[in-house]
Amino acid sequence: MTPKTKQAIPGKSGNLPVLTFTLLEDDYSIHRLSPQSEIPTVPAATAFSSITRTEEEVTIVCLSAIELKAEHTEPGWSVLKVIGPLDFSLTGILAGISMVLSDAEISLFALSTFDTDYFLVKSCKRDLAIKALTGAGYRFRP
């Protein structure tokens, strides 16, 4: 058994500020398409979606209610959004949150935008993730 890593506590560890999350409603899915796939139109009226294209794949995150023709689909994710905007000079945000979730044995899928970060956790682990994060000093806004 390996020892747990020391958790970065917001507001007390270096320049890591006290961060506040909000939980996006609904369930989300992560889709993998081939790199040659035409990117489907994902409804713009949704609260959150993400499309990433690389040489190896196209990854789309969107509401589970939206059906896509994908090579692989991983359904059942909840989205925890860090309230931003976050300054680009801040360090340790992803590391601190990842550590807390890792110590609680919760896997994550992280995405960043210009203004903030999003953490997807399996919906069945959502409440445990919120408990672990609040226990580590992070806040949640309804």
Protein backbone atom coordinates (compact mmCIF):
# COMPACT_ATOMS: atom_id res chain seq x y z
CA MET A 1 0.00 0.00 0.00
CA THR A 2 1.46 3.34 -1.03
CA PRO A 3 1.21 6.40 1.20
CA LYS A 4 -1.26 9.10 0.24
CA THR A 5 0.15 12.31 -1.19
CA LYS A 6 -0.09 15.51 0.80
CA GLN A 7 -3.11 17.47 -0.37
CA ALA A 8 -2.82 21.04 -1.55
CA ILE A 9 -5.25 23.06 0.53
CA PRO A 10 -6.80 26.06 -1.26
CA GLY A 11 -5.83 29.38 0.26
CA LYS A 12 -3.06 27.78 2.32
CA SER A 13 -0.68 26.16 -0.20
CA GLY A 14 1.46 28.56 -2.20
CA ASN A 15 -0.65 30.73 -4.45
CA LEU A 16 -3.58 28.29 -4.76
CA PRO A 17 -6.72 30.38 -4.17
CA VAL A 18 -9.92 29.17 -2.54
CA LEU A 19 -11.85 27.88 -5.55
CA THR A 20 -15.60 27.57 -5.90
CA PHE A 21 -17.30 24.95 -8.05
CA THR A 22 -20.73 24.66 -9.52
CA LEU A 23 -22.32 21.40 -10.64
CA LEU A 24 -23.73 21.42 -14.16
CA GLU A 25 -27.11 19.75 -14.47
CA ASP A 26 -27.69 16.59 -16.50
CA ASP A 27 -25.49 13.66 -17.43
CA TYR A 28 -22.76 13.92 -20.03
CA SER A 29 -21.04 11.44 -22.34
CA ILE A 30 -17.52 11.36 -23.73
CA HIS A 31 -17.37 10.22 -27.36
CA ARG A 32 -14.38 9.07 -29.39
CA LEU A 33 -14.48 9.39 -33.17
CA SER A 34 -11.81 8.62 -35.75
CA PRO A 35 -9.55 11.53 -36.68
CA GLN A 36 -11.03 11.56 -40.18
CA SER A 37 -14.58 11.92 -38.88
CA GLU A 38 -16.60 14.92 -39.85
CA ILE A 39 -17.38 16.85 -36.68
CA PRO A 40 -21.10 16.58 -36.01
CA THR A 41 -23.15 19.60 -35.10
CA VAL A 42 -23.55 19.66 -31.33
CA PRO A 43 -26.44 21.88 -30.25
CA ALA A 44 -25.05 25.25 -29.20
CA ALA A 45 -27.89 25.82 -26.75
CA THR A 46 -26.47 23.33 -24.26
CA ALA A 47 -24.75 24.52 -21.07
CA PHE A 48 -21.51 22.76 -21.91
CA SER A 49 -19.88 20.82 -24.74
CA SER A 50 -16.32 20.34 -25.93
CA ILE A 51 -14.79 19.20 -29.20
CA THR A 52 -11.10 18.33 -29.45
CA ARG A 53 -9.40 17.10 -32.62
CA THR A 54 -5.91 15.59 -32.70
CA GLU A 55 -4.03 13.48 -35.24
CA GLU A 56 -5.21 10.37 -33.37
CA GLU A 57 -8.85 11.09 -32.58
CA VAL A 58 -11.78 13.45 -32.19
CA THR A 59 -13.19 13.67 -28.67
CA ILE A 60 -16.60 15.19 -28.05
CA VAL A 61 -18.12 15.82 -24.63
CA CYS A 62 -21.82 16.64 -24.66
CA LEU A 63 -25.13 15.88 -22.99
CA SER A 64 -25.86 12.16 -22.89
CA ALA A 65 -29.25 12.92 -24.42
CA ILE A 66 -27.44 13.85 -27.65
CA GLU A 67 -26.78 10.70 -29.66
CA LEU A 68 -23.64 10.66 -31.77
CA LYS A 69 -22.30 8.01 -34.12
CA ALA A 70 -19.03 7.35 -32.34
CA GLU A 71 -16.45 4.55 -32.29
CA HIS A 72 -16.72 4.51 -28.52
CA THR A 73 -18.99 6.28 -26.05
CA GLU A 74 -18.45 6.54 -22.31
CA PRO A 75 -21.76 7.69 -20.74
CA GLY A 76 -22.61 8.69 -17.18
CA TRP A 77 -20.42 11.70 -16.33
CA SER A 78 -21.16 14.74 -14.17
CA VAL A 79 -19.45 18.09 -14.77
CA LEU A 80 -17.91 20.12 -11.95
CA LYS A 81 -17.09 23.62 -13.17
CA VAL A 82 -14.57 25.84 -11.40
CA ILE A 83 -16.06 29.33 -11.20
CA GLY A 84 -13.75 31.58 -13.18
CA PRO A 85 -12.19 33.37 -14.72
CA LEU A 86 -8.87 31.96 -13.57
CA ASP A 87 -5.66 33.87 -14.14
CA PHE A 88 -3.11 32.10 -16.35
CA SER A 89 -0.41 32.76 -13.73
CA LEU A 90 -2.12 30.49 -11.18
CA THR A 91 -0.35 27.18 -10.66
CA GLY A 92 -1.44 23.93 -9.06
CA ILE A 93 -5.16 24.12 -9.75
CA LEU A 94 -5.40 20.90 -11.77
CA ALA A 95 -2.81 19.20 -9.53
CA GLY A 96 -4.59 20.13 -6.30
CA ILE A 97 -8.03 19.03 -7.46
CA SER A 98 -6.62 15.88 -9.07
CA MET A 99 -4.85 14.97 -5.82
CA VAL A 100 -8.02 15.32 -3.77
CA LEU A 101 -10.01 13.17 -6.20
CA SER A 102 -7.20 10.62 -6.52
CA ASP A 103 -6.96 10.27 -2.75
CA ALA A 104 -10.71 9.56 -2.75
CA GLU A 105 -10.16 7.00 -5.55
CA ILE A 106 -12.21 8.98 -8.03
CA SER A 107 -11.07 9.11 -11.65
CA LEU A 108 -11.54 12.29 -13.62
CA PHE A 109 -11.57 13.72 -17.11
CA ALA A 110 -10.35 17.33 -17.10
CA LEU A 111 -10.94 20.06 -19.65
CA SER A 112 -9.76 23.65 -19.67
CA THR A 113 -11.06 26.70 -21.47
CA PHE A 114 -9.61 30.19 -21.68
CA ASP A 115 -11.45 31.23 -18.50
CA THR A 116 -11.73 28.13 -16.32
CA ASP A 117 -11.42 24.38 -15.74
CA TYR A 118 -14.00 21.61 -15.86
CA PHE A 119 -13.73 18.27 -14.10
CA LEU A 120 -15.86 15.34 -15.20
CA VAL A 121 -16.39 12.56 -12.68
CA LYS A 122 -18.54 9.48 -13.07
CA SER A 123 -22.07 10.38 -11.98
CA CYS A 124 -22.12 7.47 -9.52
CA LYS A 125 -19.12 9.12 -7.74
CA ARG A 126 -20.38 12.72 -7.94
CA ASP A 127 -21.52 13.02 -4.32
CA LEU A 128 -18.29 11.44 -3.07
CA ALA A 129 -16.27 13.89 -5.22
CA ILE A 130 -18.17 16.87 -3.80
CA LYS A 131 -17.63 15.58 -0.25
CA ALA A 132 -13.89 15.06 -0.86
CA LEU A 133 -13.44 18.49 -2.44
CA THR A 134 -15.38 20.34 0.28
CA GLY A 135 -13.42 18.42 2.90
CA ALA A 136 -10.21 19.73 1.29
CA GLY A 137 -11.38 23.36 1.45
CA TYR A 138 -13.01 23.83 -1.95
CA ARG A 139 -16.48 25.40 -2.07
CA PHE A 140 -19.62 24.61 -4.05
CA ARG A 141 -22.23 27.09 -5.21
CA PRO A 142 -25.75 25.90 -5.95
